[in-house]
Amino acid sequence: MGINVEVIPKKNEDLTRMIKRFIKKCKKENFLREVVDRKTYKKPSDVRRLKKIRRKRMAQKLNREQQKKSN
Protein backbone atom coordinates (compact mmCIF):
# COMPACT_ATOMS: atom_id res chain seq x y z
CA MET A 1 0.00 0.00 0.00
CA GLY A 2 2.66 2.51 0.98
CA ILE A 3 0.37 5.26 2.21
CA ASN A 4 1.23 6.94 5.49
CA VAL A 5 -1.32 9.53 6.49
CA GLU A 6 -0.17 11.54 9.46
CA VAL A 7 -2.04 14.31 11.26
CA ILE A 8 -0.10 16.36 13.78
CA PRO A 9 -2.27 18.09 16.39
CA LYS A 10 -2.22 21.85 16.20
CA LYS A 11 -2.04 24.06 19.25
CA ASN A 12 -5.34 23.97 21.21
CA GLU A 13 -7.00 21.82 18.53
CA ASP A 14 -10.04 19.75 19.40
CA LEU A 15 -9.82 15.98 18.88
CA THR A 16 -12.88 15.89 16.63
CA ARG A 17 -11.34 18.55 14.38
CA MET A 18 -8.15 16.52 14.13
CA ILE A 19 -10.14 13.41 13.16
CA LYS A 20 -11.94 15.41 10.46
CA ARG A 21 -8.59 16.53 9.05
CA PHE A 22 -7.41 12.90 9.06
CA ILE A 23 -10.51 11.74 7.16
CA LYS A 24 -10.08 14.57 4.65
CA LYS A 25 -6.45 13.59 4.03
CA CYS A 26 -7.45 9.94 3.54
CA LYS A 27 -10.06 10.94 0.95
CA LYS A 28 -7.57 13.15 -0.85
CA GLU A 29 -5.03 10.32 -1.05
CA ASN A 30 -7.73 7.90 -2.35
CA PHE A 31 -6.82 5.58 0.50
CA LEU A 32 -10.27 4.02 0.81
CA ARG A 33 -10.59 3.46 -2.93
CA GLU A 34 -7.29 1.59 -2.93
CA VAL A 35 -8.37 -0.60 0.00
CA VAL A 36 -11.65 -1.48 -1.73
CA ASP A 37 -9.85 -2.12 -5.03
CA ARG A 38 -7.41 -4.52 -3.39
CA LYS A 39 -10.12 -6.63 -1.74
CA THR A 40 -10.78 -8.59 -4.91
CA TYR A 41 -8.69 -9.53 -7.92
CA LYS A 42 -9.26 -7.51 -11.06
CA LYS A 43 -8.08 -8.57 -14.47
CA PRO A 44 -5.42 -6.29 -15.97
CA SER A 45 -7.75 -5.41 -18.85
CA ASP A 46 -10.42 -4.28 -16.36
CA VAL A 47 -7.87 -2.17 -14.49
CA ARG A 48 -6.80 -0.45 -17.73
CA ARG A 49 -10.42 0.11 -18.74
CA LEU A 50 -11.27 1.69 -15.36
CA LYS A 51 -8.21 3.94 -15.53
CA LYS A 52 -9.26 5.07 -19.01
CA ILE A 53 -12.77 5.86 -17.77
CA ARG A 54 -11.39 7.81 -14.77
CA ARG A 55 -9.05 9.81 -17.02
CA LYS A 56 -11.94 10.62 -19.35
CA ARG A 57 -14.14 11.80 -16.47
CA MET A 58 -11.32 13.92 -15.04
CA ALA A 59 -10.70 15.52 -18.45
CA GLN A 60 -14.40 16.31 -18.81
CA LYS A 61 -14.47 17.82 -15.33
CA LEU A 62 -11.45 20.00 -16.08
CA ASN A 63 -13.00 21.12 -19.37
CA ARG A 64 -16.21 22.14 -17.58
CA GLU A 65 -14.22 24.11 -15.00
CA GLN A 66 -12.21 25.84 -17.73
CA GLN A 67 -15.41 26.81 -19.56
CA LYS A 68 -16.92 28.22 -16.35
CA LYS A 69 -13.82 30.34 -15.79
CA SER A 70 -13.82 31.66 -19.34
CA ASN A 71 -17.52 32.65 -19.21
C-alpha atoms as a PDB file:
ATOM      1  CA  MET A   1       0.000   0.000   0.000  1.00  0.00           C
ATOM      2  CA  GLY A   2       2.663   2.511   0.979  1.00  0.00           C
ATOM      3  CA  ILE A   3       0.366   5.263   2.205  1.00  0.00           C
ATOM      4  CA  ASN A   4       1.230   6.943   5.486  1.00  0.00           C
ATOM      5  CA  VAL A   5      -1.323   9.531   6.488  1.00  0.00           C
ATOM      6  CA  GLU A   6      -0.166  11.542   9.457  1.00  0.00           C
ATOM      7  CA  VAL A   7      -2.036  14.306  11.261  1.00  0.00           C
ATOM      8  CA  ILE A   8      -0.097  16.357  13.785  1.00  0.00           C
ATOM      9  CA  PRO A   9      -2.273  18.089  16.395  1.00  0.00           C
ATOM     10  CA  LYS A  10      -2.220  21.852  16.197  1.00  0.00           C
ATOM     11  CA  LYS A  11      -2.035  24.060  19.253  1.00  0.00           C
ATOM     12  CA  ASN A  12      -5.344  23.970  21.214  1.00  0.00           C
ATOM     13  CA  GLU A  13      -6.997  21.820  18.533  1.00  0.00           C
ATOM     14  CA  ASP A  14     -10.042  19.745  19.396  1.00  0.00           C
ATOM     15  CA  LEU A  15      -9.815  15.984  18.884  1.00  0.00           C
ATOM     16  CA  THR A  16     -12.879  15.887  16.633  1.00  0.00           C
ATOM     17  CA  ARG A  17     -11.343  18.553  14.379  1.00  0.00           C
ATOM     18  CA  MET A  18      -8.149  16.524  14.129  1.00  0.00           C
ATOM     19  CA  ILE A  19     -10.141  13.408  13.164  1.00  0.00           C
ATOM     20  CA  LYS A  20     -11.936  15.412  10.461  1.00  0.00           C
ATOM     21  CA  ARG A  21      -8.585  16.532   9.050  1.00  0.00           C
ATOM     22  CA  PHE A  22      -7.406  12.903   9.057  1.00  0.00           C
ATOM     23  CA  ILE A  23     -10.507  11.741   7.162  1.00  0.00           C
ATOM     24  CA  LYS A  24     -10.077  14.568   4.648  1.00  0.00           C
ATOM     25  CA  LYS A  25      -6.450  13.588   4.027  1.00  0.00           C
ATOM     26  CA  CYS A  26      -7.451   9.938   3.537  1.00  0.00           C
ATOM     27  CA  LYS A  27     -10.056  10.938   0.951  1.00  0.00           C
ATOM     28  CA  LYS A  28      -7.568  13.154  -0.852  1.00  0.00           C
ATOM     29  CA  GLU A  29      -5.035  10.320  -1.053  1.00  0.00           C
ATOM     30  CA  ASN A  30      -7.732   7.901  -2.347  1.00  0.00           C
ATOM     31  CA  PHE A  31      -6.817   5.582   0.496  1.00  0.00           C
ATOM     32  CA  LEU A  32     -10.272   4.021   0.815  1.00  0.00           C
ATOM     33  CA  ARG A  33     -10.588   3.464  -2.931  1.00  0.00           C
ATOM     34  CA  GLU A  34      -7.293   1.594  -2.930  1.00  0.00           C
ATOM     35  CA  VAL A  35      -8.371  -0.601  -0.005  1.00  0.00           C
ATOM     36  CA  VAL A  36     -11.646  -1.484  -1.732  1.00  0.00           C
ATOM     37  CA  ASP A  37      -9.847  -2.121  -5.034  1.00  0.00           C
ATOM     38  CA  ARG A  38      -7.408  -4.522  -3.388  1.00  0.00           C
ATOM     39  CA  LYS A  39     -10.116  -6.632  -1.742  1.00  0.00           C
ATOM     40  CA  THR A  40     -10.783  -8.592  -4.912  1.00  0.00           C
ATOM     41  CA  TYR A  41      -8.694  -9.527  -7.922  1.00  0.00           C
ATOM     42  CA  LYS A  42      -9.264  -7.513 -11.060  1.00  0.00           C
ATOM     43  CA  LYS A  43      -8.080  -8.567 -14.467  1.00  0.00           C
ATOM     44  CA  PRO A  44      -5.416  -6.287 -15.965  1.00  0.00           C
ATOM     45  CA  SER A  45      -7.749  -5.414 -18.848  1.00  0.00           C
ATOM     46  CA  ASP A  46     -10.419  -4.282 -16.361  1.00  0.00           C
ATOM     47  CA  VAL A  47      -7.874  -2.166 -14.493  1.00  0.00           C
ATOM     48  CA  ARG A  48      -6.803  -0.455 -17.734  1.00  0.00           C
ATOM     49  CA  ARG A  49     -10.425   0.113 -18.736  1.00  0.00           C
ATOM     50  CA  LEU A  50     -11.272   1.685 -15.358  1.00  0.00           C
ATOM     51  CA  LYS A  51      -8.209   3.939 -15.527  1.00  0.00           C
ATOM     52  CA  LYS A  52      -9.260   5.066 -19.007  1.00  0.00           C
ATOM     53  CA  ILE A  53     -12.775   5.857 -17.774  1.00  0.00           C
ATOM     54  CA  ARG A  54     -11.393   7.813 -14.765  1.00  0.00           C
ATOM     55  CA  ARG A  55      -9.053   9.810 -17.024  1.00  0.00           C
ATOM     56  CA  LYS A  56     -11.939  10.619 -19.354  1.00  0.00           C
ATOM     57  CA  ARG A  57     -14.136  11.800 -16.471  1.00  0.00           C
ATOM     58  CA  MET A  58     -11.325  13.924 -15.045  1.00  0.00           C
ATOM     59  CA  ALA A  59     -10.696  15.523 -18.451  1.00  0.00           C
ATOM     60  CA  GLN A  60     -14.402  16.310 -18.815  1.00  0.00           C
ATOM     61  CA  LYS A  61     -14.474  17.824 -15.333  1.00  0.00           C
ATOM     62  CA  LEU A  62     -11.445  19.999 -16.080  1.00  0.00           C
ATOM     63  CA  ASN A  63     -13.004  21.124 -19.370  1.00  0.00           C
ATOM     64  CA  ARG A  64     -16.211  22.143 -17.579  1.00  0.00           C
ATOM     65  CA  GLU A  65     -14.220  24.109 -15.002  1.00  0.00           C
ATOM     66  CA  GLN A  66     -12.209  25.841 -17.730  1.00  0.00           C
ATOM     67  CA  GLN A  67     -15.413  26.805 -19.556  1.00  0.00           C
ATOM     68  CA  LYS A  68     -16.919  28.217 -16.355  1.00  0.00           C
ATOM     69  CA  LYS A  69     -13.820  30.343 -15.788  1.00  0.00           C
ATOM     70  CA  SER A  70     -13.824  31.658 -19.342  1.00  0.00           C
ATOM     71  CA  ASN A  71     -17.522  32.651 -19.211  1.00  0.00           C
END
